[in-house]
Amino acid sequence: MMWKIVVPVFVAVFAVTATAGLVGGFSDVNVSDGGVSDALNFAVVQHNRGLNDDYLSQVEEVIKVQRQVVAGSKYLITVRMAKTSCRKGTANEMCTINQDPQLAGPYLCTFTVWSRPWINDIQLLNQSC
């Protein structure tokens, strides 16, 4: 008799887990969700600092954002980046993506950012471009 109760409960738990993602795993979030823009802006600044290029890059398109809750939020952000006409070191200049596709040279990047805002800590754990 007991297995008749266990099977429906197992099916219900499995259905919720399958649609919502694994508990503790990454799940899709909207770009406008809190924390995403801070994580993305931080990742782009760090990316530009590490580039061996005279020109800044910026996000052309956000492709996918996922979040994992782990003593803060770990974001996995996939974007299409492109070069701007702004040189590194220019201050307070509004940079737009270069209109010439050859000069813009779009490329894909995935950033992993860990944010713990209550202790004012954000880190770029990984970037793959």
Protein backbone atom coordinates (compact mmCIF):
# COMPACT_ATOMS: atom_id res chain seq x y z
CA MET A 1 0.00 0.00 0.00
CA MET A 2 2.82 2.45 0.86
CA TRP A 3 4.22 2.50 -2.70
CA LYS A 4 0.90 3.96 -3.95
CA ILE A 5 1.55 7.07 -1.85
CA VAL A 6 5.26 7.32 -2.64
CA VAL A 7 4.88 7.23 -6.43
CA PRO A 8 2.57 10.30 -6.73
CA VAL A 9 4.76 12.30 -4.33
CA PHE A 10 7.92 11.36 -6.28
CA VAL A 11 6.27 12.30 -9.59
CA ALA A 12 5.13 15.65 -8.19
CA VAL A 13 8.59 16.50 -6.81
CA PHE A 14 10.27 15.41 -10.05
CA ALA A 15 7.86 17.54 -12.13
CA VAL A 16 8.56 20.65 -10.05
CA THR A 17 12.34 20.07 -10.15
CA ALA A 18 12.34 19.45 -13.91
CA THR A 19 10.47 22.67 -14.69
CA ALA A 20 12.16 24.94 -12.14
CA GLY A 21 15.73 23.65 -12.51
CA LEU A 22 17.74 21.79 -9.92
CA VAL A 23 17.78 23.24 -6.45
CA GLY A 24 21.11 25.02 -6.07
CA GLY A 25 21.72 24.89 -9.82
CA PHE A 26 21.68 27.66 -12.41
CA SER A 27 18.31 28.95 -13.56
CA ASP A 28 17.43 31.47 -16.28
CA VAL A 29 16.77 35.03 -15.17
CA ASN A 30 15.70 38.18 -16.94
CA VAL A 31 18.33 40.83 -17.72
CA SER A 32 16.23 43.35 -15.79
CA ASP A 33 16.31 41.26 -12.59
CA GLY A 34 18.11 42.89 -9.66
CA GLY A 35 21.85 42.42 -9.62
CA VAL A 36 22.24 41.37 -13.26
CA SER A 37 23.15 44.82 -14.60
CA ASP A 38 25.72 45.35 -11.82
CA ALA A 39 27.28 41.96 -12.54
CA LEU A 40 27.35 42.60 -16.29
CA ASN A 41 28.79 46.11 -15.97
CA PHE A 42 31.51 44.81 -13.65
CA ALA A 43 32.35 41.98 -16.07
CA VAL A 44 32.62 44.36 -19.04
CA VAL A 45 34.93 46.73 -17.13
CA GLN A 46 37.18 43.82 -16.11
CA HIS A 47 37.09 42.43 -19.66
CA ASN A 48 38.18 45.78 -21.11
CA ARG A 49 40.99 46.10 -18.57
CA GLY A 50 42.36 42.74 -19.67
CA LEU A 51 42.09 43.35 -23.42
CA ASN A 52 45.27 43.96 -25.37
CA ASP A 53 43.50 46.51 -27.55
CA ASP A 54 43.48 50.29 -27.83
CA TYR A 55 39.68 50.42 -28.09
CA LEU A 56 36.95 49.60 -25.59
CA SER A 57 34.39 46.88 -26.20
CA GLN A 58 30.81 46.90 -25.03
CA VAL A 59 27.80 44.62 -25.03
CA GLU A 60 26.01 44.48 -28.35
CA GLU A 61 23.44 41.88 -27.25
CA VAL A 62 22.69 39.90 -24.11
CA ILE A 63 22.08 36.32 -25.21
CA LYS A 64 21.43 34.50 -21.93
CA VAL A 65 21.60 35.16 -18.19
CA GLN A 66 21.49 32.49 -15.50
CA ARG A 67 21.81 32.80 -11.73
CA GLN A 68 22.82 30.36 -9.02
CA VAL A 69 22.25 31.24 -5.38
CA VAL A 70 25.47 30.40 -3.48
CA ALA A 71 26.26 32.61 -0.48
CA GLY A 72 25.32 35.42 -2.81
CA SER A 73 24.53 35.18 -6.49
CA LYS A 74 26.68 33.60 -9.16
CA TYR A 75 25.74 34.87 -12.61
CA LEU A 76 26.52 33.12 -15.88
CA ILE A 77 26.12 35.76 -18.59
CA THR A 78 26.51 35.12 -22.31
CA VAL A 79 26.78 38.23 -24.49
CA ARG A 80 27.84 39.37 -27.93
CA MET A 81 30.53 42.03 -27.54
CA ALA A 82 31.75 44.53 -30.14
CA LYS A 83 34.42 47.20 -30.40
CA THR A 84 33.60 50.87 -29.97
CA SER A 85 35.36 53.89 -31.42
CA CYS A 86 36.42 54.98 -27.90
CA ARG A 87 40.03 54.54 -26.94
CA LYS A 88 40.94 53.08 -23.57
CA GLY A 89 41.55 55.79 -21.01
CA THR A 90 38.92 58.19 -22.32
CA ALA A 91 36.90 59.40 -19.37
CA ASN A 92 33.15 59.95 -19.25
CA GLU A 93 32.68 59.50 -22.97
CA MET A 94 29.57 57.85 -24.36
CA CYS A 95 30.85 55.03 -26.51
CA THR A 96 28.77 53.47 -29.24
CA ILE A 97 29.59 50.34 -31.15
CA ASN A 98 31.56 51.02 -34.31
CA GLN A 99 29.20 51.22 -37.28
CA ASP A 100 31.66 49.46 -39.58
CA PRO A 101 31.08 45.71 -38.96
CA GLN A 102 34.72 44.96 -39.77
CA LEU A 103 35.96 47.40 -37.15
CA ALA A 104 33.30 46.34 -34.62
CA GLY A 105 34.38 42.70 -34.95
CA PRO A 106 31.57 41.15 -32.86
CA TYR A 107 32.53 38.20 -30.65
CA LEU A 108 30.85 36.03 -28.00
CA CYS A 109 31.79 36.06 -24.33
CA THR A 110 30.55 34.17 -21.30
CA PHE A 111 31.23 35.79 -17.93
CA THR A 112 30.88 34.13 -14.54
CA VAL A 113 30.40 36.76 -11.83
CA TRP A 114 29.95 36.16 -8.10
CA SER A 115 28.19 38.95 -6.22
CA ARG A 116 27.77 39.39 -2.46
CA PRO A 117 26.36 42.92 -2.18
CA TRP A 118 25.89 42.86 1.61
CA ILE A 119 29.69 42.86 2.02
CA ASN A 120 30.30 45.00 -1.09
CA ASP A 121 32.09 42.16 -2.91
CA ILE A 122 31.89 41.28 -6.60
CA GLN A 123 34.33 39.08 -8.50
CA LEU A 124 34.81 37.98 -12.09
CA LEU A 125 35.45 34.27 -11.63
CA ASN A 126 35.81 33.36 -15.29
CA GLN A 127 35.52 34.78 -18.77
CA SER A 128 35.54 32.91 -22.00
CA CYS A 129 35.61 34.85 -25.27
